[in-house]
């Protein structure tokens, strides 16, 4: 995983209107990177636009926490390469 891929993903999601934060955590056996995403869109936008955009650079990325409230989403995604 490179900083360039993380930044490209962040810029692409922000172009879609999302607010994105990147957090790095050093665990005992490896470093993990988390994307905190907030957007004014629902589950359909998440499934068909946002997650495919993330998986262009990180095919094994997965949703770890958060949820969808009406037309608002606040989720955390773990980036894995």
PDB file of N, CA and C in Angstrom:
ATOM      1  N   UNK A   1       0.848  -1.160   0.000  1.00  0.00           N
ATOM      2  CA  UNK A   1       0.000   0.000   0.000  1.00  0.00           C
ATOM      3  C   UNK A   1       0.899   1.229   0.000  1.00  0.00           C
ATOM      4  N   UNK A   2       0.594   2.129  -0.894  1.00  0.00           N
ATOM      5  CA  UNK A   2       1.405   3.329  -0.974  1.00  0.00           C
ATOM      6  C   UNK A   2       0.589   4.563  -0.629  1.00  0.00           C
ATOM      7  N   UNK A   3       1.296   5.579  -0.247  1.00  0.00           N
ATOM      8  CA  UNK A   3       0.648   6.845   0.071  1.00  0.00           C
ATOM      9  C   UNK A   3      -0.079   7.383  -1.156  1.00  0.00           C
ATOM     10  N   UNK A   4       0.492   7.168  -2.330  1.00  0.00           N
ATOM     11  CA  UNK A   4      -0.121   7.648  -3.566  1.00  0.00           C
ATOM     12  C   UNK A   4      -1.494   7.005  -3.784  1.00  0.00           C
ATOM     13  N   UNK A   5      -1.618   5.711  -3.543  1.00  0.00           N
ATOM     14  CA  UNK A   5      -2.902   5.027  -3.690  1.00  0.00           C
ATOM     15  C   UNK A   5      -3.923   5.544  -2.681  1.00  0.00           C
ATOM     16  N   UNK A   6      -3.481   5.760  -1.443  1.00  0.00           N
ATOM     17  CA  UNK A   6      -4.378   6.290  -0.420  1.00  0.00           C
ATOM     18  C   UNK A   6      -4.883   7.674  -0.819  1.00  0.00           C
ATOM     19  N   UNK A   7      -3.981   8.523  -1.257  1.00  0.00           N
ATOM     20  CA  UNK A   7      -4.343   9.880  -1.636  1.00  0.00           C
ATOM     21  C   UNK A   7      -5.264   9.886  -2.854  1.00  0.00           C
ATOM     22  N   UNK A   8      -4.987   9.043  -3.841  1.00  0.00           N
ATOM     23  CA  UNK A   8      -5.831   8.960  -5.031  1.00  0.00           C
ATOM     24  C   UNK A   8      -7.247   8.528  -4.667  1.00  0.00           C
ATOM     25  N   UNK A   9      -7.364   7.578  -3.734  1.00  0.00           N
ATOM     26  CA  UNK A   9      -8.676   7.124  -3.288  1.00  0.00           C
ATOM     27  C   UNK A   9      -9.401   8.237  -2.554  1.00  0.00           C
ATOM     28  N   UNK A  10      -8.689   8.947  -1.690  1.00  0.00           N
ATOM     29  CA  UNK A  10      -9.290  10.049  -0.946  1.00  0.00           C
ATOM     30  C   UNK A  10      -9.795  11.136  -1.887  1.00  0.00           C
ATOM     31  N   UNK A  11      -8.993  11.520  -2.849  1.00  0.00           N
ATOM     32  CA  UNK A  11      -9.372  12.563  -3.802  1.00  0.00           C
ATOM     33  C   UNK A  11     -10.586  12.126  -4.630  1.00  0.00           C
ATOM     34  N   UNK A  12     -10.614  10.866  -5.058  1.00  0.00           N
ATOM     35  CA  UNK A  12     -11.743  10.358  -5.846  1.00  0.00           C
ATOM     36  C   UNK A  12     -13.040  10.390  -5.039  1.00  0.00           C
ATOM     37  N   UNK A  13     -12.966  10.010  -3.758  1.00  0.00           N
ATOM     38  CA  UNK A  13     -14.167  10.024  -2.921  1.00  0.00           C
ATOM     39  C   UNK A  13     -14.614  11.449  -2.622  1.00  0.00           C
ATOM     40  N   UNK A  14     -13.676  12.346  -2.415  1.00  0.00           N
ATOM     41  CA  UNK A  14     -14.038  13.742  -2.171  1.00  0.00           C
ATOM     42  C   UNK A  14     -14.662  14.364  -3.422  1.00  0.00           C
ATOM     43  N   UNK A  15     -14.260  13.921  -4.593  1.00  0.00           N
ATOM     44  CA  UNK A  15     -14.871  14.399  -5.831  1.00  0.00           C
ATOM     45  C   UNK A  15     -16.333  13.952  -5.935  1.00  0.00           C
ATOM     46  N   UNK A  16     -16.665  12.863  -5.262  1.00  0.00           N
ATOM     47  CA  UNK A  16     -18.047  12.377  -5.226  1.00  0.00           C
ATOM     48  C   UNK A  16     -18.873  13.077  -4.145  1.00  0.00           C
ATOM     49  N   UNK A  17     -18.235  13.964  -3.369  1.00  0.00           N
ATOM     50  CA  UNK A  17     -18.953  14.722  -2.360  1.00  0.00           C
ATOM     51  C   UNK A  17     -18.822  14.195  -0.945  1.00  0.00           C
ATOM     52  N   UNK A  18     -17.942  13.251  -0.719  1.00  0.00           N
ATOM     53  CA  UNK A  18     -17.758  12.678   0.618  1.00  0.00           C
ATOM     54  C   UNK A  18     -16.665  13.430   1.376  1.00  0.00           C
ATOM     55  N   UNK A  19     -16.747  13.372   2.698  1.00  0.00           N
ATOM     56  CA  UNK A  19     -15.677  13.868   3.554  1.00  0.00           C
ATOM     57  C   UNK A  19     -14.882  12.643   3.991  1.00  0.00           C
ATOM     58  N   UNK A  20     -13.578  12.671   3.772  1.00  0.00           N
ATOM     59  CA  UNK A  20     -12.753  11.488   4.015  1.00  0.00           C
ATOM     60  C   UNK A  20     -11.575  11.837   4.915  1.00  0.00           C
ATOM     61  N   UNK A  21     -11.364  11.026   5.937  1.00  0.00           N
ATOM     62  CA  UNK A  21     -10.206  11.141   6.804  1.00  0.00           C
ATOM     63  C   UNK A  21      -9.402   9.860   6.746  1.00  0.00           C
ATOM     64  N   UNK A  22      -8.090   9.971   6.802  1.00  0.00           N
ATOM     65  CA  UNK A  22      -7.217   8.792   6.776  1.00  0.00           C
ATOM     66  C   UNK A  22      -6.552   8.668   8.137  1.00  0.00           C
ATOM     67  N   UNK A  23      -6.567   7.455   8.684  1.00  0.00           N
ATOM     68  CA  UNK A  23      -5.924   7.202   9.967  1.00  0.00           C
ATOM     69  C   UNK A  23      -5.051   5.959   9.854  1.00  0.00           C
ATOM     70  N   UNK A  24      -3.822   6.082  10.321  1.00  0.00           N
ATOM     71  CA  UNK A  24      -2.887   4.955  10.333  1.00  0.00           C
ATOM     72  C   UNK A  24      -2.752   4.470  11.768  1.00  0.00           C
ATOM     73  N   UNK A  25      -2.783   3.153  11.946  1.00  0.00           N
ATOM     74  CA  UNK A  25      -2.587   2.574  13.274  1.00  0.00           C
ATOM     75  C   UNK A  25      -1.531   1.505  13.190  1.00  0.00           C
ATOM     76  N   UNK A  26      -0.583   1.538  14.107  1.00  0.00           N
ATOM     77  CA  UNK A  26       0.461   0.520  14.184  1.00  0.00           C
ATOM     78  C   UNK A  26       0.000  -0.551  15.157  1.00  0.00           C
ATOM     79  N   UNK A  27      -0.260  -1.730  14.635  1.00  0.00           N
ATOM     80  CA  UNK A  27      -0.633  -2.860  15.474  1.00  0.00           C
ATOM     81  C   UNK A  27       0.621  -3.675  15.772  1.00  0.00           C
ATOM     82  N   UNK A  28       0.487  -4.670  16.601  1.00  0.00           N
ATOM     83  CA  UNK A  28       1.650  -5.459  17.008  1.00  0.00           C
ATOM     84  C   UNK A  28       2.344  -6.122  15.814  1.00  0.00           C
ATOM     85  N   UNK A  29       1.589  -6.577  14.834  1.00  0.00           N
ATOM     86  CA  UNK A  29       2.184  -7.325  13.740  1.00  0.00           C
ATOM     87  C   UNK A  29       2.136  -6.619  12.385  1.00  0.00           C
ATOM     88  N   UNK A  30       1.406  -5.504  12.279  1.00  0.00           N
ATOM     89  CA  UNK A  30       1.370  -4.765  11.021  1.00  0.00           C
ATOM     90  C   UNK A  30       0.695  -3.411  11.218  1.00  0.00           C
ATOM     91  N   UNK A  31       0.821  -2.585  10.207  1.00  0.00           N
ATOM     92  CA  UNK A  31       0.155  -1.284  10.230  1.00  0.00           C
ATOM     93  C   UNK A  31      -1.144  -1.387   9.433  1.00  0.00           C
ATOM     94  N   UNK A  32      -2.192  -0.761   9.944  1.00  0.00           N
ATOM     95  CA  UNK A  32      -3.460  -0.738   9.232  1.00  0.00           C
ATOM     96  C   UNK A  32      -3.821   0.701   8.912  1.00  0.00           C
ATOM     97  N   UNK A  33      -4.521   0.865   7.813  1.00  0.00           N
ATOM     98  CA  UNK A  33      -4.985   2.182   7.404  1.00  0.00           C
ATOM     99  C   UNK A  33      -6.502   2.163   7.344  1.00  0.00           C
ATOM    100  N   UNK A  34      -7.105   3.184   7.934  1.00  0.00           N
ATOM    101  CA  UNK A  34      -8.556   3.302   7.979  1.00  0.00           C
ATOM    102  C   UNK A  34      -8.999   4.557   7.250  1.00  0.00           C
ATOM    103  N   UNK A  35     -10.086   4.449   6.499  1.00  0.00           N
ATOM    104  CA  UNK A  35     -10.730   5.605   5.899  1.00  0.00           C
ATOM    105  C   UNK A  35     -12.018   5.850   6.665  1.00  0.00           C
ATOM    106  N   UNK A  36     -12.195   7.048   7.177  1.00  0.00           N
ATOM    107  CA  UNK A  36     -13.453   7.441   7.818  1.00  0.00           C
ATOM    108  C   UNK A  36     -14.204   8.279   6.802  1.00  0.00           C
ATOM    109  N   UNK A  37     -15.355   7.791   6.376  1.00  0.00           N
ATOM    110  CA  UNK A  37     -16.095   8.416   5.292  1.00  0.00           C
ATOM    111  C   UNK A  37     -17.440   8.912   5.804  1.00  0.00           C
ATOM    112  N   UNK A  38     -17.741  10.172   5.513  1.00  0.00           N
ATOM    113  CA  UNK A  38     -19.042  10.746   5.812  1.00  0.00           C
ATOM    114  C   UNK A  38     -19.573  11.335   4.517  1.00  0.00           C
ATOM    115  N   UNK A  39     -20.824  11.004   4.221  1.00  0.00           N
ATOM    116  CA  UNK A  39     -21.416  11.502   2.980  1.00  0.00           C
ATOM    117  C   UNK A  39     -22.928  11.615   3.139  1.00  0.00           C
ATOM    118  N   UNK A  40     -23.493  12.440   2.329  1.00  0.00           N
ATOM    119  CA  UNK A  40     -24.943  12.604   2.329  1.00  0.00           C
ATOM    120  C   UNK A  40     -25.579  11.714   1.285  1.00  0.00           C
ATOM    121  N   UNK A  41     -25.282  10.442   1.358  1.00  0.00           N
ATOM    122  CA  UNK A  41     -25.851   9.483   0.411  1.00  0.00           C
ATOM    123  C   UNK A  41     -26.181   8.200   1.155  1.00  0.00           C
ATOM    124  N   UNK A  42     -27.015   7.400   0.560  1.00  0.00           N
ATOM    125  CA  UNK A  42     -27.484   6.195   1.229  1.00  0.00           C
ATOM    126  C   UNK A  42     -26.736   4.940   0.839  1.00  0.00           C
ATOM    127  N   UNK A  43     -27.339   3.822   1.177  1.00  0.00           N
ATOM    128  CA  UNK A  43     -26.726   2.512   0.968  1.00  0.00           C
ATOM    129  C   UNK A  43     -26.494   2.206  -0.505  1.00  0.00           C
ATOM    130  N   UNK A  44     -27.405   2.615  -1.374  1.00  0.00           N
ATOM    131  CA  UNK A  44     -27.257   2.334  -2.803  1.00  0.00           C
ATOM    132  C   UNK A  44     -26.018   3.017  -3.365  1.00  0.00           C
ATOM    133  N   UNK A  45     -25.816   4.273  -3.017  1.00  0.00           N
ATOM    134  CA  UNK A  45     -24.620   4.994  -3.469  1.00  0.00           C
ATOM    135  C   UNK A  45     -23.365   4.326  -2.936  1.00  0.00           C
ATOM    136  N   UNK A  46     -23.419   3.878  -1.687  1.00  0.00           N
ATOM    137  CA  UNK A  46     -22.295   3.175  -1.079  1.00  0.00           C
ATOM    138  C   UNK A  46     -21.955   1.921  -1.871  1.00  0.00           C
ATOM    139  N   UNK A  47     -22.963   1.116  -2.155  1.00  0.00           N
ATOM    140  CA  UNK A  47     -22.744  -0.182  -2.804  1.00  0.00           C
ATOM    141  C   UNK A  47     -22.274  -0.081  -4.248  1.00  0.00           C
ATOM    142  N   UNK A  48     -22.809   0.888  -4.970  1.00  0.00           N
ATOM    143  CA  UNK A  48     -22.554   0.922  -6.407  1.00  0.00           C
ATOM    144  C   UNK A  48     -21.574   1.996  -6.862  1.00  0.00           C
ATOM    145  N   UNK A  49     -21.242   2.959  -5.988  1.00  0.00           N
ATOM    146  CA  UNK A  49     -20.325   4.021  -6.398  1.00  0.00           C
ATOM    147  C   UNK A  49     -19.105   4.099  -5.481  1.00  0.00           C
ATOM    148  N   UNK A  50     -19.331   4.256  -4.183  1.00  0.00           N
ATOM    149  CA  UNK A  50     -18.220   4.509  -3.266  1.00  0.00           C
ATOM    150  C   UNK A  50     -17.328   3.284  -3.071  1.00  0.00           C
ATOM    151  N   UNK A  51     -17.902   2.143  -2.724  1.00  0.00           N
ATOM    152  CA  UNK A  51     -17.077   0.951  -2.477  1.00  0.00           C
ATOM    153  C   UNK A  51     -16.344   0.474  -3.733  1.00  0.00           C
ATOM    154  N   UNK A  52     -16.978   0.470  -4.918  1.00  0.00           N
ATOM    155  CA  UNK A  52     -16.198   0.110  -6.116  1.00  0.00           C
ATOM    156  C   UNK A  52     -15.024   1.063  -6.374  1.00  0.00           C
ATOM    157  N   UNK A  53     -15.206   2.354  -6.055  1.00  0.00           N
ATOM    158  CA  UNK A  53     -14.118   3.321  -6.230  1.00  0.00           C
ATOM    159  C   UNK A  53     -12.951   2.991  -5.289  1.00  0.00           C
ATOM    160  N   UNK A  54     -13.260   2.590  -4.057  1.00  0.00           N
ATOM    161  CA  UNK A  54     -12.210   2.200  -3.106  1.00  0.00           C
ATOM    162  C   UNK A  54     -11.501   0.942  -3.583  1.00  0.00           C
ATOM    163  N   UNK A  55     -12.261  -0.004  -4.103  1.00  0.00           N
ATOM    164  CA  UNK A  55     -11.685  -1.291  -4.509  1.00  0.00           C
ATOM    165  C   UNK A  55     -10.852  -1.217  -5.778  1.00  0.00           C
ATOM    166  N   UNK A  56     -10.870  -0.084  -6.472  1.00  0.00           N
ATOM    167  CA  UNK A  56      -9.977   0.066  -7.624  1.00  0.00           C
ATOM    168  C   UNK A  56      -8.521  -0.024  -7.177  1.00  0.00           C
ATOM    169  N   UNK A  57      -8.187   0.585  -6.042  1.00  0.00           N
ATOM    170  CA  UNK A  57      -6.817   0.560  -5.526  1.00  0.00           C
ATOM    171  C   UNK A  57      -6.626  -0.460  -4.417  1.00  0.00           C
ATOM    172  N   UNK A  58      -7.689  -0.816  -3.731  1.00  0.00           N
ATOM    173  CA  UNK A  58      -7.599  -1.729  -2.586  1.00  0.00           C
ATOM    174  C   UNK A  58      -8.675  -2.811  -2.721  1.00  0.00           C
ATOM    175  N   UNK A  59      -8.394  -3.864  -3.484  1.00  0.00           N
ATOM    176  CA  UNK A  59      -9.409  -4.887  -3.764  1.00  0.00           C
ATOM    177  C   UNK A  59      -9.905  -5.642  -2.529  1.00  0.00           C
ATOM    178  N   UNK A  60      -9.127  -5.678  -1.462  1.00  0.00           N
ATOM    179  CA  UNK A  60      -9.535  -6.409  -0.268  1.00  0.00           C
ATOM    180  C   UNK A  60     -10.058  -5.497   0.836  1.00  0.00           C
ATOM    181  N   UNK A  61     -10.378  -4.248   0.517  1.00  0.00           N
ATOM    182  CA  UNK A  61     -10.911  -3.307   1.517  1.00  0.00           C
ATOM    183  C   UNK A  61     -12.264  -3.811   2.009  1.00  0.00           C
ATOM    184  N   UNK A  62     -12.545  -3.534   3.279  1.00  0.00           N
ATOM    185  CA  UNK A  62     -13.840  -3.955   3.829  1.00  0.00           C
ATOM    186  C   UNK A  62     -14.353  -2.952   4.845  1.00  0.00           C
ATOM    187  N   UNK A  63     -15.672  -2.959   5.010  1.00  0.00           N
ATOM    188  CA  UNK A  63     -16.351  -2.091   5.961  1.00  0.00           C
ATOM    189  C   UNK A  63     -16.149  -2.657   7.352  1.00  0.00           C
ATOM    190  N   UNK A  64     -15.704  -1.830   8.283  1.00  0.00           N
ATOM    191  CA  UNK A  64     -15.451  -2.330   9.630  1.00  0.00           C
ATOM    192  C   UNK A  64     -16.439  -1.793  10.655  1.00  0.00           C
ATOM    193  N   UNK A  65     -16.930  -0.571  10.461  1.00  0.00           N
ATOM    194  CA  UNK A  65     -17.914  -0.040  11.408  1.00  0.00           C
ATOM    195  C   UNK A  65     -18.656   1.115  10.767  1.00  0.00           C
ATOM    196  N   UNK A  66     -19.690   1.544  11.430  1.00  0.00           N
ATOM    197  CA  UNK A  66     -20.482   2.666  10.946  1.00  0.00           C
ATOM    198  C   UNK A  66     -21.849   2.211  10.517  1.00  0.00           C
ATOM    199  N   UNK A  67     -22.543   3.108   9.847  1.00  0.00           N
ATOM    200  CA  UNK A  67     -23.878   2.746   9.424  1.00  0.00           C
ATOM    201  C   UNK A  67     -24.487   3.769   8.486  1.00  0.00           C
ATOM    202  N   UNK A  68     -25.721   3.474   8.120  1.00  0.00           N
ATOM    203  CA  UNK A  68     -26.482   4.285   7.183  1.00  0.00           C
ATOM    204  C   UNK A  68     -27.746   4.742   7.888  1.00  0.00           C
ATOM    205  N   UNK A  69     -27.986   6.043   7.874  1.00  0.00           N
ATOM    206  CA  UNK A  69     -29.170   6.611   8.509  1.00  0.00           C
ATOM    207  C   UNK A  69     -29.901   7.434   7.478  1.00  0.00           C
ATOM    208  N   UNK A  70     -30.931   6.845   6.898  1.00  0.00           N
ATOM    209  CA  UNK A  70     -31.669   7.536   5.843  1.00  0.00           C
ATOM    210  C   UNK A  70     -30.776   7.803   4.650  1.00  0.00           C
ATOM    211  N   UNK A  71     -30.569   9.070   4.352  1.00  0.00           N
ATOM    212  CA  UNK A  71     -29.712   9.416   3.224  1.00  0.00           C
ATOM    213  C   UNK A  71     -28.338   9.908   3.685  1.00  0.00           C
ATOM    214  N   UNK A  72     -27.887   9.432   4.828  1.00  0.00           N
ATOM    215  CA  UNK A  72     -26.593   9.827   5.380  1.00  0.00           C
ATOM    216  C   UNK A  72     -25.780   8.577   5.722  1.00  0.00           C
ATOM    217  N   UNK A  73     -24.503   8.613   5.434  1.00  0.00           N
ATOM    218  CA  UNK A  73     -23.664   7.484   5.814  1.00  0.00           C
ATOM    219  C   UNK A  73     -22.435   7.972   6.556  1.00  0.00           C
ATOM    220  N   UNK A  74     -22.045   7.220   7.557  1.00  0.00           N
ATOM    221  CA  UNK A  74     -20.811   7.439   8.312  1.00  0.00           C
ATOM    222  C   UNK A  74     -20.209   6.072   8.544  1.00  0.00           C
ATOM    223  N   UNK A  75     -19.122   5.754   7.848  1.00  0.00           N
ATOM    224  CA  UNK A  75     -18.538   4.427   7.925  1.00  0.00           C
ATOM    225  C   UNK A  75     -17.017   4.511   8.049  1.00  0.00           C
ATOM    226  N   UNK A  76     -16.440   3.414   8.499  1.00  0.00           N
ATOM    227  CA  UNK A  76     -14.988   3.257   8.552  1.00  0.00           C
ATOM    228  C   UNK A  76     -14.643   2.028   7.716  1.00  0.00           C
ATOM    229  N   UNK A  77     -13.695   2.209   6.822  1.00  0.00           N
ATOM    230  CA  UNK A  77     -13.264   1.142   5.913  1.00  0.00           C
ATOM    231  C   UNK A  77     -11.795   0.845   6.180  1.00  0.00           C
ATOM    232  N   UNK A  78     -11.440  -0.433   6.256  1.00  0.00           N
ATOM    233  CA  UNK A  78     -10.041  -0.845   6.405  1.00  0.00           C
ATOM    234  C   UNK A  78      -9.480  -1.081   5.010  1.00  0.00           C
ATOM    235  N   UNK A  79      -8.344  -0.459   4.734  1.00  0.00           N
ATOM    236  CA  UNK A  79      -7.686  -0.638   3.440  1.00  0.00           C
ATOM    237  C   UNK A  79      -6.674  -1.766   3.563  1.00  0.00           C
ATOM    238  N   UNK A  80      -6.805  -2.718   2.684  1.00  0.00           N
ATOM    239  CA  UNK A  80      -5.825  -3.797   2.619  1.00  0.00           C
ATOM    240  C   UNK A  80      -5.512  -4.036   1.169  1.00  0.00           C
ATOM    241  N   UNK A  81      -4.280  -4.337   0.879  1.00  0.00           N
ATOM    242  CA  UNK A  81      -3.860  -4.547  -0.501  1.00  0.00           C
ATOM    243  C   UNK A  81      -3.654  -6.021  -0.738  1.00  0.00           C
TER     244      UNK A  81
END
